[in-house]
């Protein structure tokens, strides 16, 4: 395992922490109380967007762990994905 792979594992843990922080954000920002005041359509859009964003961040963390050698390998796809995930 090279140094870049270790950094990818650290990035995965950080991404999972970001996803987990959304669970606490729901309480801090009182999502339940605030979202009760909007129309059902807006409520559904909000919930779907939050779930999608959390799932995407979790999956990026999984990609960083499961495919660390490929991301660190130097192929064009690996460089692109690593750059995208870093940004």
PDB file of N, CA and C in Angstrom:
ATOM      1  N   UNK A   1       0.845  -1.175   0.000  1.00  0.00           N
ATOM      2  CA  UNK A   1       0.000   0.000   0.000  1.00  0.00           C
ATOM      3  C   UNK A   1       0.891   1.240   0.000  1.00  0.00           C
ATOM      4  N   UNK A   2       0.610   2.168  -0.922  1.00  0.00           N
ATOM      5  CA  UNK A   2       1.426   3.377  -0.970  1.00  0.00           C
ATOM      6  C   UNK A   2       0.747   4.522  -0.203  1.00  0.00           C
ATOM      7  N   UNK A   3       1.438   5.633  -0.150  1.00  0.00           N
ATOM      8  CA  UNK A   3       0.973   6.778   0.638  1.00  0.00           C
ATOM      9  C   UNK A   3      -0.364   7.317   0.157  1.00  0.00           C
ATOM     10  N   UNK A   4      -0.555   7.330  -1.142  1.00  0.00           N
ATOM     11  CA  UNK A   4      -1.803   7.876  -1.689  1.00  0.00           C
ATOM     12  C   UNK A   4      -2.990   7.035  -1.243  1.00  0.00           C
ATOM     13  N   UNK A   5      -2.807   5.722  -1.180  1.00  0.00           N
ATOM     14  CA  UNK A   5      -3.893   4.855  -0.730  1.00  0.00           C
ATOM     15  C   UNK A   5      -4.276   5.158   0.711  1.00  0.00           C
ATOM     16  N   UNK A   6      -3.288   5.445   1.533  1.00  0.00           N
ATOM     17  CA  UNK A   6      -3.573   5.804   2.928  1.00  0.00           C
ATOM     18  C   UNK A   6      -4.389   7.096   2.971  1.00  0.00           C
ATOM     19  N   UNK A   7      -4.024   8.059   2.135  1.00  0.00           N
ATOM     20  CA  UNK A   7      -4.769   9.318   2.075  1.00  0.00           C
ATOM     21  C   UNK A   7      -6.203   9.075   1.601  1.00  0.00           C
ATOM     22  N   UNK A   8      -6.386   8.139   0.684  1.00  0.00           N
ATOM     23  CA  UNK A   8      -7.727   7.814   0.216  1.00  0.00           C
ATOM     24  C   UNK A   8      -8.560   7.198   1.343  1.00  0.00           C
ATOM     25  N   UNK A   9      -7.936   6.389   2.175  1.00  0.00           N
ATOM     26  CA  UNK A   9      -8.652   5.806   3.314  1.00  0.00           C
ATOM     27  C   UNK A   9      -9.049   6.910   4.308  1.00  0.00           C
ATOM     28  N   UNK A  10      -8.153   7.849   4.531  1.00  0.00           N
ATOM     29  CA  UNK A  10      -8.471   8.980   5.412  1.00  0.00           C
ATOM     30  C   UNK A  10      -9.619   9.789   4.817  1.00  0.00           C
ATOM     31  N   UNK A  11      -9.573  10.005   3.510  1.00  0.00           N
ATOM     32  CA  UNK A  11     -10.654  10.728   2.841  1.00  0.00           C
ATOM     33  C   UNK A  11     -11.987  10.001   3.011  1.00  0.00           C
ATOM     34  N   UNK A  12     -11.959   8.681   2.935  1.00  0.00           N
ATOM     35  CA  UNK A  12     -13.180   7.895   3.122  1.00  0.00           C
ATOM     36  C   UNK A  12     -13.754   8.106   4.520  1.00  0.00           C
ATOM     37  N   UNK A  13     -12.900   8.073   5.510  1.00  0.00           N
ATOM     38  CA  UNK A  13     -13.369   8.276   6.887  1.00  0.00           C
ATOM     39  C   UNK A  13     -13.959   9.675   7.041  1.00  0.00           C
ATOM     40  N   UNK A  14     -13.310  10.670   6.451  1.00  0.00           N
ATOM     41  CA  UNK A  14     -13.833  12.038   6.526  1.00  0.00           C
ATOM     42  C   UNK A  14     -15.182  12.155   5.826  1.00  0.00           C
ATOM     43  N   UNK A  15     -15.332  11.488   4.691  1.00  0.00           N
ATOM     44  CA  UNK A  15     -16.619  11.516   3.986  1.00  0.00           C
ATOM     45  C   UNK A  15     -17.706  10.860   4.819  1.00  0.00           C
ATOM     46  N   UNK A  16     -17.368   9.766   5.490  1.00  0.00           N
ATOM     47  CA  UNK A  16     -18.356   9.109   6.342  1.00  0.00           C
ATOM     48  C   UNK A  16     -18.721   9.983   7.533  1.00  0.00           C
ATOM     49  N   UNK A  17     -17.766  10.742   8.045  1.00  0.00           N
ATOM     50  CA  UNK A  17     -18.065  11.678   9.143  1.00  0.00           C
ATOM     51  C   UNK A  17     -18.998  12.793   8.677  1.00  0.00           C
ATOM     52  N   UNK A  18     -18.779  13.270   7.458  1.00  0.00           N
ATOM     53  CA  UNK A  18     -19.676  14.288   6.895  1.00  0.00           C
ATOM     54  C   UNK A  18     -21.087  13.732   6.763  1.00  0.00           C
ATOM     55  N   UNK A  19     -21.205  12.513   6.250  1.00  0.00           N
ATOM     56  CA  UNK A  19     -22.528  11.896   6.107  1.00  0.00           C
ATOM     57  C   UNK A  19     -23.180  11.709   7.472  1.00  0.00           C
ATOM     58  N   UNK A  20     -22.419  11.257   8.453  1.00  0.00           N
ATOM     59  CA  UNK A  20     -22.966  11.045   9.789  1.00  0.00           C
ATOM     60  C   UNK A  20     -23.365  12.363  10.442  1.00  0.00           C
ATOM     61  N   UNK A  21     -22.668  13.431  10.130  1.00  0.00           N
ATOM     62  CA  UNK A  21     -23.006  14.724  10.727  1.00  0.00           C
ATOM     63  C   UNK A  21     -24.377  15.209  10.278  1.00  0.00           C
ATOM     64  N   UNK A  22     -24.849  14.750   9.136  1.00  0.00           N
ATOM     65  CA  UNK A  22     -26.181  15.132   8.679  1.00  0.00           C
ATOM     66  C   UNK A  22     -27.270  14.601   9.602  1.00  0.00           C
ATOM     67  N   UNK A  23     -27.008  13.506  10.271  1.00  0.00           N
ATOM     68  CA  UNK A  23     -27.982  12.969  11.217  1.00  0.00           C
ATOM     69  C   UNK A  23     -28.149  13.942  12.383  1.00  0.00           C
ATOM     70  N   UNK A  24     -27.034  14.481  12.866  1.00  0.00           N
ATOM     71  CA  UNK A  24     -27.094  15.452  13.956  1.00  0.00           C
ATOM     72  C   UNK A  24     -27.619  16.803  13.477  1.00  0.00           C
ATOM     73  N   UNK A  25     -27.351  17.135  12.225  1.00  0.00           N
ATOM     74  CA  UNK A  25     -27.831  18.407  11.674  1.00  0.00           C
ATOM     75  C   UNK A  25     -29.351  18.456  11.672  1.00  0.00           C
ATOM     76  N   UNK A  26     -29.989  17.316  11.446  1.00  0.00           N
ATOM     77  CA  UNK A  26     -31.449  17.277  11.443  1.00  0.00           C
ATOM     78  C   UNK A  26     -32.008  17.732  12.790  1.00  0.00           C
ATOM     79  N   UNK A  27     -31.361  17.344  13.864  1.00  0.00           N
ATOM     80  CA  UNK A  27     -31.809  17.774  15.200  1.00  0.00           C
ATOM     81  C   UNK A  27     -31.444  19.236  15.464  1.00  0.00           C
ATOM     82  N   UNK A  28     -30.232  19.595  15.120  1.00  0.00           N
ATOM     83  CA  UNK A  28     -29.751  20.953  15.401  1.00  0.00           C
ATOM     84  C   UNK A  28     -30.589  21.998  14.673  1.00  0.00           C
ATOM     85  N   UNK A  29     -30.914  21.728  13.405  1.00  0.00           N
ATOM     86  CA  UNK A  29     -31.666  22.686  12.595  1.00  0.00           C
ATOM     87  C   UNK A  29     -33.175  22.456  12.655  1.00  0.00           C
ATOM     88  N   UNK A  30     -33.603  21.538  13.498  1.00  0.00           N
ATOM     89  CA  UNK A  30     -35.030  21.259  13.709  1.00  0.00           C
ATOM     90  C   UNK A  30     -35.754  21.009  12.389  1.00  0.00           C
ATOM     91  N   UNK A  31     -35.213  20.071  11.606  1.00  0.00           N
ATOM     92  CA  UNK A  31     -35.812  19.760  10.308  1.00  0.00           C
ATOM     93  C   UNK A  31     -37.281  19.390  10.442  1.00  0.00           C
ATOM     94  N   UNK A  32     -37.591  18.551  11.400  1.00  0.00           N
ATOM     95  CA  UNK A  32     -38.957  18.050  11.539  1.00  0.00           C
ATOM     96  C   UNK A  32     -39.954  19.190  11.741  1.00  0.00           C
ATOM     97  N   UNK A  33     -39.630  20.117  12.612  1.00  0.00           N
ATOM     98  CA  UNK A  33     -40.539  21.235  12.879  1.00  0.00           C
ATOM     99  C   UNK A  33     -40.622  22.183  11.685  1.00  0.00           C
ATOM    100  N   UNK A  34     -39.485  22.472  11.082  1.00  0.00           N
ATOM    101  CA  UNK A  34     -39.466  23.416   9.967  1.00  0.00           C
ATOM    102  C   UNK A  34     -40.106  22.846   8.708  1.00  0.00           C
ATOM    103  N   UNK A  35     -39.887  21.580   8.476  1.00  0.00           N
ATOM    104  CA  UNK A  35     -40.415  20.980   7.251  1.00  0.00           C
ATOM    105  C   UNK A  35     -41.917  20.735   7.349  1.00  0.00           C
ATOM    106  N   UNK A  36     -42.461  20.714   8.558  1.00  0.00           N
ATOM    107  CA  UNK A  36     -43.905  20.535   8.736  1.00  0.00           C
ATOM    108  C   UNK A  36     -44.682  21.728   8.193  1.00  0.00           C
ATOM    109  N   UNK A  37     -44.003  22.868   8.048  1.00  0.00           N
ATOM    110  CA  UNK A  37     -44.670  24.090   7.582  1.00  0.00           C
ATOM    111  C   UNK A  37     -44.731  24.229   6.069  1.00  0.00           C
ATOM    112  N   UNK A  38     -44.050  23.380   5.332  1.00  0.00           N
ATOM    113  CA  UNK A  38     -44.029  23.508   3.873  1.00  0.00           C
ATOM    114  C   UNK A  38     -45.022  22.534   3.244  1.00  0.00           C
ATOM    115  N   UNK A  39     -45.234  22.691   1.958  1.00  0.00           N
ATOM    116  CA  UNK A  39     -46.165  21.819   1.246  1.00  0.00           C
ATOM    117  C   UNK A  39     -45.599  20.401   1.185  1.00  0.00           C
ATOM    118  N   UNK A  40     -46.465  19.407   1.028  1.00  0.00           N
ATOM    119  CA  UNK A  40     -45.989  18.023   0.944  1.00  0.00           C
ATOM    120  C   UNK A  40     -44.984  17.799  -0.190  1.00  0.00           C
ATOM    121  N   UNK A  41     -45.163  18.470  -1.314  1.00  0.00           N
ATOM    122  CA  UNK A  41     -44.236  18.311  -2.437  1.00  0.00           C
ATOM    123  C   UNK A  41     -42.841  18.798  -2.064  1.00  0.00           C
ATOM    124  N   UNK A  42     -42.752  19.979  -1.475  1.00  0.00           N
ATOM    125  CA  UNK A  42     -41.460  20.534  -1.063  1.00  0.00           C
ATOM    126  C   UNK A  42     -40.833  19.641   0.006  1.00  0.00           C
ATOM    127  N   UNK A  43     -41.645  19.120   0.906  1.00  0.00           N
ATOM    128  CA  UNK A  43     -41.158  18.212   1.952  1.00  0.00           C
ATOM    129  C   UNK A  43     -40.519  16.972   1.337  1.00  0.00           C
ATOM    130  N   UNK A  44     -41.202  16.384   0.355  1.00  0.00           N
ATOM    131  CA  UNK A  44     -40.656  15.178  -0.290  1.00  0.00           C
ATOM    132  C   UNK A  44     -39.368  15.478  -1.040  1.00  0.00           C
ATOM    133  N   UNK A  45     -39.329  16.602  -1.752  1.00  0.00           N
ATOM    134  CA  UNK A  45     -38.112  16.982  -2.478  1.00  0.00           C
ATOM    135  C   UNK A  45     -36.962  17.157  -1.502  1.00  0.00           C
ATOM    136  N   UNK A  46     -37.209  17.823  -0.394  1.00  0.00           N
ATOM    137  CA  UNK A  46     -36.170  18.048   0.616  1.00  0.00           C
ATOM    138  C   UNK A  46     -35.640  16.727   1.152  1.00  0.00           C
ATOM    139  N   UNK A  47     -36.544  15.825   1.503  1.00  0.00           N
ATOM    140  CA  UNK A  47     -36.130  14.533   2.059  1.00  0.00           C
ATOM    141  C   UNK A  47     -35.350  13.725   1.040  1.00  0.00           C
ATOM    142  N   UNK A  48     -35.846  13.667  -0.200  1.00  0.00           N
ATOM    143  CA  UNK A  48     -35.158  12.892  -1.242  1.00  0.00           C
ATOM    144  C   UNK A  48     -33.775  13.476  -1.507  1.00  0.00           C
ATOM    145  N   UNK A  49     -33.661  14.787  -1.564  1.00  0.00           N
ATOM    146  CA  UNK A  49     -32.355  15.405  -1.797  1.00  0.00           C
ATOM    147  C   UNK A  49     -31.378  15.090  -0.661  1.00  0.00           C
ATOM    148  N   UNK A  50     -31.834  15.159   0.560  1.00  0.00           N
ATOM    149  CA  UNK A  50     -30.946  14.865   1.688  1.00  0.00           C
ATOM    150  C   UNK A  50     -30.503  13.414   1.687  1.00  0.00           C
ATOM    151  N   UNK A  51     -31.425  12.504   1.424  1.00  0.00           N
ATOM    152  CA  UNK A  51     -31.068  11.086   1.376  1.00  0.00           C
ATOM    153  C   UNK A  51     -30.095  10.826   0.233  1.00  0.00           C
ATOM    154  N   UNK A  52     -30.345  11.442  -0.922  1.00  0.00           N
ATOM    155  CA  UNK A  52     -29.467  11.262  -2.079  1.00  0.00           C
ATOM    156  C   UNK A  52     -28.055  11.779  -1.784  1.00  0.00           C
ATOM    157  N   UNK A  53     -27.960  12.935  -1.195  1.00  0.00           N
ATOM    158  CA  UNK A  53     -26.647  13.510  -0.891  1.00  0.00           C
ATOM    159  C   UNK A  53     -25.903  12.635   0.115  1.00  0.00           C
ATOM    160  N   UNK A  54     -26.587  12.188   1.157  1.00  0.00           N
ATOM    161  CA  UNK A  54     -25.932  11.327   2.147  1.00  0.00           C
ATOM    162  C   UNK A  54     -25.481  10.016   1.519  1.00  0.00           C
ATOM    163  N   UNK A  55     -26.331   9.417   0.691  1.00  0.00           N
ATOM    164  CA  UNK A  55     -25.975   8.151   0.042  1.00  0.00           C
ATOM    165  C   UNK A  55     -24.783   8.341  -0.893  1.00  0.00           C
ATOM    166  N   UNK A  56     -24.746   9.456  -1.604  1.00  0.00           N
ATOM    167  CA  UNK A  56     -23.643   9.730  -2.516  1.00  0.00           C
ATOM    168  C   UNK A  56     -22.333   9.880  -1.754  1.00  0.00           C
ATOM    169  N   UNK A  57     -22.350  10.601  -0.663  1.00  0.00           N
ATOM    170  CA  UNK A  57     -21.132  10.802   0.126  1.00  0.00           C
ATOM    171  C   UNK A  57     -20.664   9.474   0.724  1.00  0.00           C
ATOM    172  N   UNK A  58     -21.599   8.665   1.217  1.00  0.00           N
ATOM    173  CA  UNK A  58     -21.235   7.351   1.758  1.00  0.00           C
ATOM    174  C   UNK A  58     -20.627   6.487   0.661  1.00  0.00           C
ATOM    175  N   UNK A  59     -21.224   6.504  -0.516  1.00  0.00           N
ATOM    176  CA  UNK A  59     -20.706   5.687  -1.624  1.00  0.00           C
ATOM    177  C   UNK A  59     -19.326   6.167  -2.064  1.00  0.00           C
ATOM    178  N   UNK A  60     -19.085   7.477  -2.069  1.00  0.00           N
ATOM    179  CA  UNK A  60     -17.744   7.972  -2.396  1.00  0.00           C
ATOM    180  C   UNK A  60     -16.728   7.446  -1.389  1.00  0.00           C
ATOM    181  N   UNK A  61     -17.109   7.368  -0.127  1.00  0.00           N
ATOM    182  CA  UNK A  61     -16.224   6.795   0.879  1.00  0.00           C
ATOM    183  C   UNK A  61     -15.938   5.329   0.595  1.00  0.00           C
ATOM    184  N   UNK A  62     -16.958   4.591   0.197  1.00  0.00           N
ATOM    185  CA  UNK A  62     -16.782   3.181  -0.150  1.00  0.00           C
ATOM    186  C   UNK A  62     -15.870   3.043  -1.359  1.00  0.00           C
ATOM    187  N   UNK A  63     -16.039   3.911  -2.357  1.00  0.00           N
ATOM    188  CA  UNK A  63     -15.169   3.878  -3.542  1.00  0.00           C
ATOM    189  C   UNK A  63     -13.724   4.127  -3.133  1.00  0.00           C
ATOM    190  N   UNK A  64     -13.494   5.080  -2.241  1.00  0.00           N
ATOM    191  CA  UNK A  64     -12.129   5.384  -1.798  1.00  0.00           C
ATOM    192  C   UNK A  64     -11.474   4.199  -1.105  1.00  0.00           C
ATOM    193  N   UNK A  65     -12.252   3.422  -0.360  1.00  0.00           N
ATOM    194  CA  UNK A  65     -11.689   2.272   0.347  1.00  0.00           C
ATOM    195  C   UNK A  65     -11.555   1.071  -0.588  1.00  0.00           C
ATOM    196  N   UNK A  66     -12.626   0.764  -1.304  1.00  0.00           N
ATOM    197  CA  UNK A  66     -12.650  -0.456  -2.115  1.00  0.00           C
ATOM    198  C   UNK A  66     -11.746  -0.372  -3.342  1.00  0.00           C
ATOM    199  N   UNK A  67     -11.578   0.822  -3.877  1.00  0.00           N
ATOM    200  CA  UNK A  67     -10.811   0.969  -5.106  1.00  0.00           C
ATOM    201  C   UNK A  67      -9.598   1.884  -4.946  1.00  0.00           C
ATOM    202  N   UNK A  68      -9.050   1.923  -3.742  1.00  0.00           N
ATOM    203  CA  UNK A  68      -7.879   2.778  -3.479  1.00  0.00           C
ATOM    204  C   UNK A  68      -6.714   2.492  -4.423  1.00  0.00           C
ATOM    205  N   UNK A  69      -6.353   1.233  -4.684  1.00  0.00           N
ATOM    206  CA  UNK A  69      -5.230   0.993  -5.608  1.00  0.00           C
ATOM    207  C   UNK A  69      -5.500   1.523  -7.014  1.00  0.00           C
ATOM    208  N   UNK A  70      -6.739   1.387  -7.485  1.00  0.00           N
ATOM    209  CA  UNK A  70      -7.074   1.885  -8.821  1.00  0.00           C
ATOM    210  C   UNK A  70      -7.060   3.408  -8.869  1.00  0.00           C
ATOM    211  N   UNK A  71      -7.579   4.043  -7.804  1.00  0.00           N
ATOM    212  CA  UNK A  71      -7.582   5.508  -7.762  1.00  0.00           C
ATOM    213  C   UNK A  71      -6.170   6.066  -7.660  1.00  0.00           C
ATOM    214  N   UNK A  72      -5.289   5.354  -6.982  1.00  0.00           N
ATOM    215  CA  UNK A  72      -3.911   5.813  -6.796  1.00  0.00           C
ATOM    216  C   UNK A  72      -2.989   5.334  -7.902  1.00  0.00           C
ATOM    217  N   UNK A  73      -3.500   4.520  -8.817  1.00  0.00           N
ATOM    218  CA  UNK A  73      -2.664   3.864  -9.812  1.00  0.00           C
ATOM    219  C   UNK A  73      -2.072   4.751 -10.884  1.00  0.00           C
ATOM    220  N   UNK A  74      -2.721   5.801 -11.251  1.00  0.00           N
ATOM    221  CA  UNK A  74      -2.169   6.676 -12.280  1.00  0.00           C
ATOM    222  C   UNK A  74      -2.899   6.599 -13.603  1.00  0.00           C
ATOM    223  N   UNK A  75      -3.939   5.781 -13.702  1.00  0.00           N
ATOM    224  CA  UNK A  75      -4.715   5.747 -14.942  1.00  0.00           C
ATOM    225  C   UNK A  75      -5.502   7.048 -15.060  1.00  0.00           C
ATOM    226  N   UNK A  76      -5.970   7.345 -16.253  1.00  0.00           N
ATOM    227  CA  UNK A  76      -6.719   8.581 -16.465  1.00  0.00           C
ATOM    228  C   UNK A  76      -7.993   8.597 -15.620  1.00  0.00           C
ATOM    229  N   UNK A  77      -8.694   7.467 -15.581  1.00  0.00           N
ATOM    230  CA  UNK A  77      -9.916   7.402 -14.788  1.00  0.00           C
ATOM    231  C   UNK A  77      -9.607   7.553 -13.296  1.00  0.00           C
ATOM    232  N   UNK A  78      -8.559   6.906 -12.829  1.00  0.00           N
ATOM    233  CA  UNK A  78      -8.171   7.022 -11.431  1.00  0.00           C
ATOM    234  C   UNK A  78      -7.810   8.443 -11.054  1.00  0.00           C
ATOM    235  N   UNK A  79      -7.049   9.126 -11.923  1.00  0.00           N
ATOM    236  CA  UNK A  79      -6.685  10.525 -11.656  1.00  0.00           C
ATOM    237  C   UNK A  79      -7.917  11.411 -11.651  1.00  0.00           C
ATOM    238  N   UNK A  80      -8.819  11.187 -12.625  1.00  0.00           N
ATOM    239  CA  UNK A  80     -10.036  11.998 -12.690  1.00  0.00           C
ATOM    240  C   UNK A  80     -10.882  11.831 -11.437  1.00  0.00           C
ATOM    241  N   UNK A  81     -11.157  10.576 -11.060  1.00  0.00           N
ATOM    242  CA  UNK A  81     -11.981  10.329  -9.889  1.00  0.00           C
ATOM    243  C   UNK A  81     -11.323  10.842  -8.610  1.00  0.00           C
ATOM    244  N   UNK A  82     -10.020  10.645  -8.490  1.00  0.00           N
ATOM    245  CA  UNK A  82      -9.314  11.152  -7.308  1.00  0.00           C
ATOM    246  C   UNK A  82      -9.408  12.665  -7.238  1.00  0.00           C
ATOM    247  N   UNK A  83      -9.229  13.325  -8.344  1.00  0.00           N
ATOM    248  CA  UNK A  83      -9.349  14.784  -8.387  1.00  0.00           C
ATOM    249  C   UNK A  83     -10.750  15.248  -8.057  1.00  0.00           C
ATOM    250  N   UNK A  84     -11.749  14.557  -8.634  1.00  0.00           N
ATOM    251  CA  UNK A  84     -13.145  14.892  -8.372  1.00  0.00           C
ATOM    252  C   UNK A  84     -13.477  14.728  -6.896  1.00  0.00           C
ATOM    253  N   UNK A  85     -13.060  13.615  -6.314  1.00  0.00           N
ATOM    254  CA  UNK A  85     -13.330  13.365  -4.906  1.00  0.00           C
ATOM    255  C   UNK A  85     -12.589  14.357  -4.005  1.00  0.00           C
ATOM    256  N   UNK A  86     -11.404  14.781  -4.431  1.00  0.00           N
ATOM    257  CA  UNK A  86     -10.643  15.746  -3.635  1.00  0.00           C
ATOM    258  C   UNK A  86     -11.305  17.109  -3.625  1.00  0.00           C
ATOM    259  N   UNK A  87     -11.884  17.457  -4.759  1.00  0.00           N
ATOM    260  CA  UNK A  87     -12.542  18.777  -4.844  1.00  0.00           C
ATOM    261  C   UNK A  87     -13.817  18.757  -4.054  1.00  0.00           C
TER     262      UNK A  87
END
